[in-house]
C-alpha atoms as a PDB file:
ATOM      1  CA  MET A   1       0.333   0.998  -3.675  1.00  0.00           C
ATOM      2  CA  PRO A   2       0.571   3.059  -0.458  1.00  0.00           C
ATOM      3  CA  LEU A   3       2.511   6.298  -0.431  1.00  0.00           C
ATOM      4  CA  THR A   4       5.780   5.941   1.494  1.00  0.00           C
ATOM      5  CA  VAL A   5       7.731   8.418   3.615  1.00  0.00           C
ATOM      6  CA  ALA A   6      10.520   8.277   1.003  1.00  0.00           C
ATOM      7  CA  GLN A   7       8.042   9.449  -1.658  1.00  0.00           C
ATOM      8  CA  VAL A   8       6.758  12.247   0.587  1.00  0.00           C
ATOM      9  CA  LEU A   9      10.333  13.432   1.167  1.00  0.00           C
ATOM     10  CA  ALA A  10      11.150  13.249  -2.542  1.00  0.00           C
ATOM     11  CA  ALA A  11       8.148  15.467  -3.318  1.00  0.00           C
ATOM     12  CA  LYS A  12       9.407  18.263  -1.047  1.00  0.00           C
ATOM     13  CA  PRO A  13      11.013  21.225  -2.854  1.00  0.00           C
ATOM     14  CA  ASP A  14      14.508  20.282  -1.629  1.00  0.00           C
ATOM     15  CA  GLY A  15      13.971  16.555  -2.128  1.00  0.00           C
ATOM     16  CA  GLY A  16      13.470  16.169   1.615  1.00  0.00           C
ATOM     17  CA  GLY A  17      17.146  16.070   2.468  1.00  0.00           C
ATOM     18  CA  THR A  18      17.330  19.315   4.408  1.00  0.00           C
ATOM     19  CA  VAL A  19      16.818  18.917   8.148  1.00  0.00           C
ATOM     20  CA  HIS A  20      17.408  21.938  10.318  1.00  0.00           C
ATOM     21  CA  THR A  21      18.939  21.161  13.686  1.00  0.00           C
ATOM     22  CA  ILE A  22      20.022  23.022  16.786  1.00  0.00           C
ATOM     23  CA  GLY A  23      22.215  22.201  19.764  1.00  0.00           C
ATOM     24  CA  LYS A  24      20.503  21.520  23.079  1.00  0.00           C
ATOM     25  CA  ASP A  25      22.550  24.236  24.835  1.00  0.00           C
ATOM     26  CA  ARG A  26      21.379  27.009  22.486  1.00  0.00           C
ATOM     27  CA  THR A  27      18.706  29.438  23.619  1.00  0.00           C
ATOM     28  CA  VAL A  28      15.062  29.201  22.695  1.00  0.00           C
ATOM     29  CA  LEU A  29      15.479  32.602  21.040  1.00  0.00           C
ATOM     30  CA  ASP A  30      18.143  31.055  18.767  1.00  0.00           C
ATOM     31  CA  ALA A  31      15.711  28.258  17.909  1.00  0.00           C
ATOM     32  CA  LEU A  32      12.862  30.665  17.184  1.00  0.00           C
ATOM     33  CA  THR A  33      15.116  32.842  15.046  1.00  0.00           C
ATOM     34  CA  LEU A  34      16.205  29.836  12.969  1.00  0.00           C
ATOM     35  CA  MET A  35      12.648  28.545  12.603  1.00  0.00           C
ATOM     36  CA  ALA A  36      11.456  31.978  11.466  1.00  0.00           C
ATOM     37  CA  ALA A  37      14.338  32.352   8.993  1.00  0.00           C
ATOM     38  CA  LYS A  38      13.672  28.923   7.471  1.00  0.00           C
ATOM     39  CA  GLY A  39       9.875  29.132   7.601  1.00  0.00           C
ATOM     40  CA  ILE A  40       9.584  25.937   9.632  1.00  0.00           C
ATOM     41  CA  GLY A  41       7.876  24.931  12.866  1.00  0.00           C
ATOM     42  CA  ALA A  42      10.320  22.454  14.386  1.00  0.00           C
ATOM     43  CA  LEU A  43      14.012  21.723  14.823  1.00  0.00           C
ATOM     44  CA  VAL A  44      15.679  18.449  15.633  1.00  0.00           C
ATOM     45  CA  VAL A  45      17.843  18.942  18.721  1.00  0.00           C
ATOM     46  CA  MET A  46      21.315  17.418  18.510  1.00  0.00           C
ATOM     47  CA  ALA A  47      23.924  16.606  21.160  1.00  0.00           C
ATOM     48  CA  GLU A  48      27.247  14.931  20.392  1.00  0.00           C
ATOM     49  CA  GLY A  49      26.081  13.941  16.921  1.00  0.00           C
ATOM     50  CA  GLN A  50      22.947  12.197  18.207  1.00  0.00           C
ATOM     51  CA  ILE A  51      19.289  13.190  18.311  1.00  0.00           C
ATOM     52  CA  ALA A  52      18.572  14.563  21.775  1.00  0.00           C
ATOM     53  CA  GLY A  53      15.043  15.810  21.124  1.00  0.00           C
ATOM     54  CA  ILE A  54      12.789  17.977  19.040  1.00  0.00           C
ATOM     55  CA  VAL A  55      11.707  21.554  19.731  1.00  0.00           C
ATOM     56  CA  THR A  56       8.665  23.209  18.179  1.00  0.00           C
ATOM     57  CA  GLU A  57       6.902  26.537  18.142  1.00  0.00           C
ATOM     58  CA  ARG A  58       4.253  24.886  20.302  1.00  0.00           C
ATOM     59  CA  ASP A  59       6.915  24.064  22.920  1.00  0.00           C
ATOM     60  CA  TYR A  60       7.824  27.733  23.054  1.00  0.00           C
ATOM     61  CA  ALA A  61       4.221  28.879  23.409  1.00  0.00           C
ATOM     62  CA  ARG A  62       3.368  26.383  26.120  1.00  0.00           C
ATOM     63  CA  LYS A  63       6.614  26.071  28.066  1.00  0.00           C
ATOM     64  CA  VAL A  64       8.194  29.515  27.832  1.00  0.00           C
ATOM     65  CA  GLU A  65       5.678  32.216  27.041  1.00  0.00           C
ATOM     66  CA  LEU A  66       2.837  30.891  29.221  1.00  0.00           C
ATOM     67  CA  HIS A  67       5.174  30.505  32.206  1.00  0.00           C
ATOM     68  CA  GLY A  68       6.647  33.975  31.885  1.00  0.00           C
ATOM     69  CA  HIS A  69      10.144  32.736  31.056  1.00  0.00           C
ATOM     70  CA  SER A  70      12.494  34.474  28.638  1.00  0.00           C
ATOM     71  CA  ALA A  71      13.337  32.949  25.273  1.00  0.00           C
ATOM     72  CA  ALA A  72      16.691  34.737  25.462  1.00  0.00           C
ATOM     73  CA  THR A  73      17.759  32.916  28.642  1.00  0.00           C
ATOM     74  CA  THR A  74      15.893  29.590  28.423  1.00  0.00           C
ATOM     75  CA  ARG A  75      17.900  26.757  26.861  1.00  0.00           C
ATOM     76  CA  VAL A  76      16.398  24.503  24.198  1.00  0.00           C
ATOM     77  CA  GLU A  77      16.946  21.396  26.333  1.00  0.00           C
ATOM     78  CA  GLU A  78      14.651  22.875  29.002  1.00  0.00           C
ATOM     79  CA  ILE A  79      11.614  22.840  26.699  1.00  0.00           C
ATOM     80  CA  MET A  80      12.361  20.204  24.032  1.00  0.00           C
ATOM     81  CA  THR A  81      10.583  16.880  23.783  1.00  0.00           C
ATOM     82  CA  ALA A  82      13.294  14.372  24.653  1.00  0.00           C
ATOM     83  CA  ARG A  83      11.380  11.250  23.639  1.00  0.00           C
ATOM     84  CA  VAL A  84      11.408  11.619  19.881  1.00  0.00           C
ATOM     85  CA  ARG A  85       9.086   9.511  17.791  1.00  0.00           C
ATOM     86  CA  TYR A  86      10.384   8.903  14.297  1.00  0.00           C
ATOM     87  CA  VAL A  87       9.605   7.028  11.104  1.00  0.00           C
ATOM     88  CA  GLU A  88      11.650   5.214   8.487  1.00  0.00           C
ATOM     89  CA  PRO A  89      11.564   5.884   4.727  1.00  0.00           C
ATOM     90  CA  THR A  90       9.706   2.634   4.001  1.00  0.00           C
ATOM     91  CA  GLN A  91       6.804   3.423   6.295  1.00  0.00           C
ATOM     92  CA  THR A  92       3.570   4.693   4.777  1.00  0.00           C
ATOM     93  CA  ALA A  93       2.058   8.142   4.901  1.00  0.00           C
ATOM     94  CA  ASP A  94      -0.979   6.570   6.564  1.00  0.00           C
ATOM     95  CA  GLU A  95       1.232   5.227   9.356  1.00  0.00           C
ATOM     96  CA  CYS A  96       2.659   8.730   9.837  1.00  0.00           C
ATOM     97  CA  MET A  97      -0.806  10.272   9.976  1.00  0.00           C
ATOM     98  CA  ALA A  98      -1.929   7.699  12.535  1.00  0.00           C
ATOM     99  CA  LEU A  99       1.146   8.313  14.698  1.00  0.00           C
ATOM    100  CA  MET A 100       0.755  12.085  14.471  1.00  0.00           C
ATOM    101  CA  THR A 101      -2.940  11.917  15.299  1.00  0.00           C
ATOM    102  CA  GLU A 102      -2.509   9.507  18.203  1.00  0.00           C
ATOM    103  CA  HIS A 103       0.299  11.529  19.811  1.00  0.00           C
ATOM    104  CA  ARG A 104      -0.931  15.007  18.781  1.00  0.00           C
ATOM    105  CA  MET A 105       2.250  15.965  16.988  1.00  0.00           C
ATOM    106  CA  ARG A 106       2.992  17.790  13.741  1.00  0.00           C
ATOM    107  CA  HIS A 107       6.546  16.735  12.856  1.00  0.00           C
ATOM    108  CA  LEU A 108       8.295  13.379  12.513  1.00  0.00           C
ATOM    109  CA  PRO A 109      12.028  12.963  11.953  1.00  0.00           C
ATOM    110  CA  VAL A 110      12.942  10.319   9.404  1.00  0.00           C
ATOM    111  CA  LEU A 111      15.752   7.916  10.278  1.00  0.00           C
ATOM    112  CA  ASP A 112      17.311   5.805   7.561  1.00  0.00           C
ATOM    113  CA  ALA A 113      19.519   3.054   9.011  1.00  0.00           C
ATOM    114  CA  GLY A 114      19.720   5.070  12.239  1.00  0.00           C
ATOM    115  CA  ARG A 115      20.802   8.273  10.481  1.00  0.00           C
ATOM    116  CA  LEU A 116      18.672  11.432  10.382  1.00  0.00           C
ATOM    117  CA  SER A 117      17.683  11.782   6.741  1.00  0.00           C
ATOM    118  CA  GLY A 118      14.652  14.064   6.732  1.00  0.00           C
ATOM    119  CA  ILE A 119      11.599  15.336   8.536  1.00  0.00           C
ATOM    120  CA  VAL A 120       7.949  15.123   7.514  1.00  0.00           C
ATOM    121  CA  SER A 121       5.270  17.486   8.718  1.00  0.00           C
ATOM    122  CA  ILE A 122       1.526  17.123   8.809  1.00  0.00           C
ATOM    123  CA  GLY A 123       1.480  19.706   6.001  1.00  0.00           C
ATOM    124  CA  ASP A 124       3.742  17.524   3.828  1.00  0.00           C
ATOM    125  CA  LEU A 125       1.426  14.555   4.318  1.00  0.00           C
ATOM    126  CA  LEU A 126      -1.745  16.534   3.634  1.00  0.00           C
ATOM    127  CA  LYS A 127      -0.237  18.042   0.492  1.00  0.00           C
ATOM    128  CA  GLN A 128       0.500  14.551  -0.853  1.00  0.00           C
ATOM    129  CA  GLN A 129      -2.925  13.269   0.161  1.00  0.00           C
ATOM    130  CA  ILE A 130      -4.596  16.134  -1.692  1.00  0.00           C
ATOM    131  CA  ALA A 131      -2.420  15.491  -4.775  1.00  0.00           C
ATOM    132  CA  ASP A 132      -3.368  11.787  -4.698  1.00  0.00           C
ATOM    133  CA  GLN A 133      -7.066  12.631  -4.404  1.00  0.00           C
ATOM    134  CA  GLN A 134      -6.827  15.082  -7.295  1.00  0.00           C
ATOM    135  CA  PHE A 135      -5.106  12.414  -9.375  1.00  0.00           C
ATOM    136  CA  THR A 136      -7.949   9.983  -8.627  1.00  0.00           C
ATOM    137  CA  ILE A 137     -10.530  12.602  -9.597  1.00  0.00           C
ATOM    138  CA  ASP A 138      -8.667  13.323 -12.846  1.00  0.00           C
ATOM    139  CA  GLN A 139      -8.472   9.620 -13.670  1.00  0.00           C
ATOM    140  CA  LEU A 140     -12.182   9.132 -13.046  1.00  0.00           C
ATOM    141  CA  GLU A 141     -12.964  12.096 -15.296  1.00  0.00           C
ATOM    142  CA  HIS A 142     -10.697  10.666 -18.014  1.00  0.00           C
ATOM    143  CA  TYR A 143     -12.400   7.276 -17.649  1.00  0.00           C
ATOM    144  CA  ILE A 144     -15.845   8.831 -17.952  1.00  0.00           C
ATOM    145  CA  HIS A 145     -14.828  10.764 -21.076  1.00  0.00           C
ATOM    146  CA  GLY A 146     -12.840   7.892 -22.596  1.00  0.00           C
ATOM    147  CA  ALA A 147      -9.421   9.561 -22.399  1.00  0.00           C
ATOM    148  CA  PRO A 148      -6.233   7.554 -21.687  1.00  0.00           C
ATOM    149  CA  ILE A 149      -5.248   7.105 -18.043  1.00  0.00           C
ATOM    150  CA  ALA A 150      -1.917   8.543 -16.860  1.00  0.00           C
ATOM    151  CA  ALA A 151       0.490   7.224 -14.233  1.00  0.00           C
ATOM    152  CA  PRO A 152       0.117   8.608 -10.688  1.00  0.00           C
ATOM    153  CA  PRO A 153       2.353  11.514  -9.668  1.00  0.00           C
ATOM    154  CA  ARG A 154       5.151  10.740  -7.190  1.00  0.00           C
END
């Protein structure tokens, strides 16, 4: 059975429900400060209760720093990605990986019935993939040695 986005979110330390956001009129310095404080690499940008975009550390590096602009005076909306790709909780981790690879992105907001309910990163997906592979290895070792097989972790 394929791993779903809902299962990836549930495996996160906070259960996947915490999504850090920022207003589009805030400065890039505000965004960087929040990302650093939370130990994250992206923020969902909100305007009037709706998703307006996503801003990442990569956006800062490529659209502010390289152009000699100031993070203190540049607004988030000036560097954010306005066309936000997203996934739904029922989609698979493999679908997320394919989308991230195809579009060279590291973060995907999760919308459940049109409402922002989480965000998955490439790191979240790789962590789950590694856990699944380790489970398979453990099961094969148990099979070889005749030990009972356990249920997969989720």
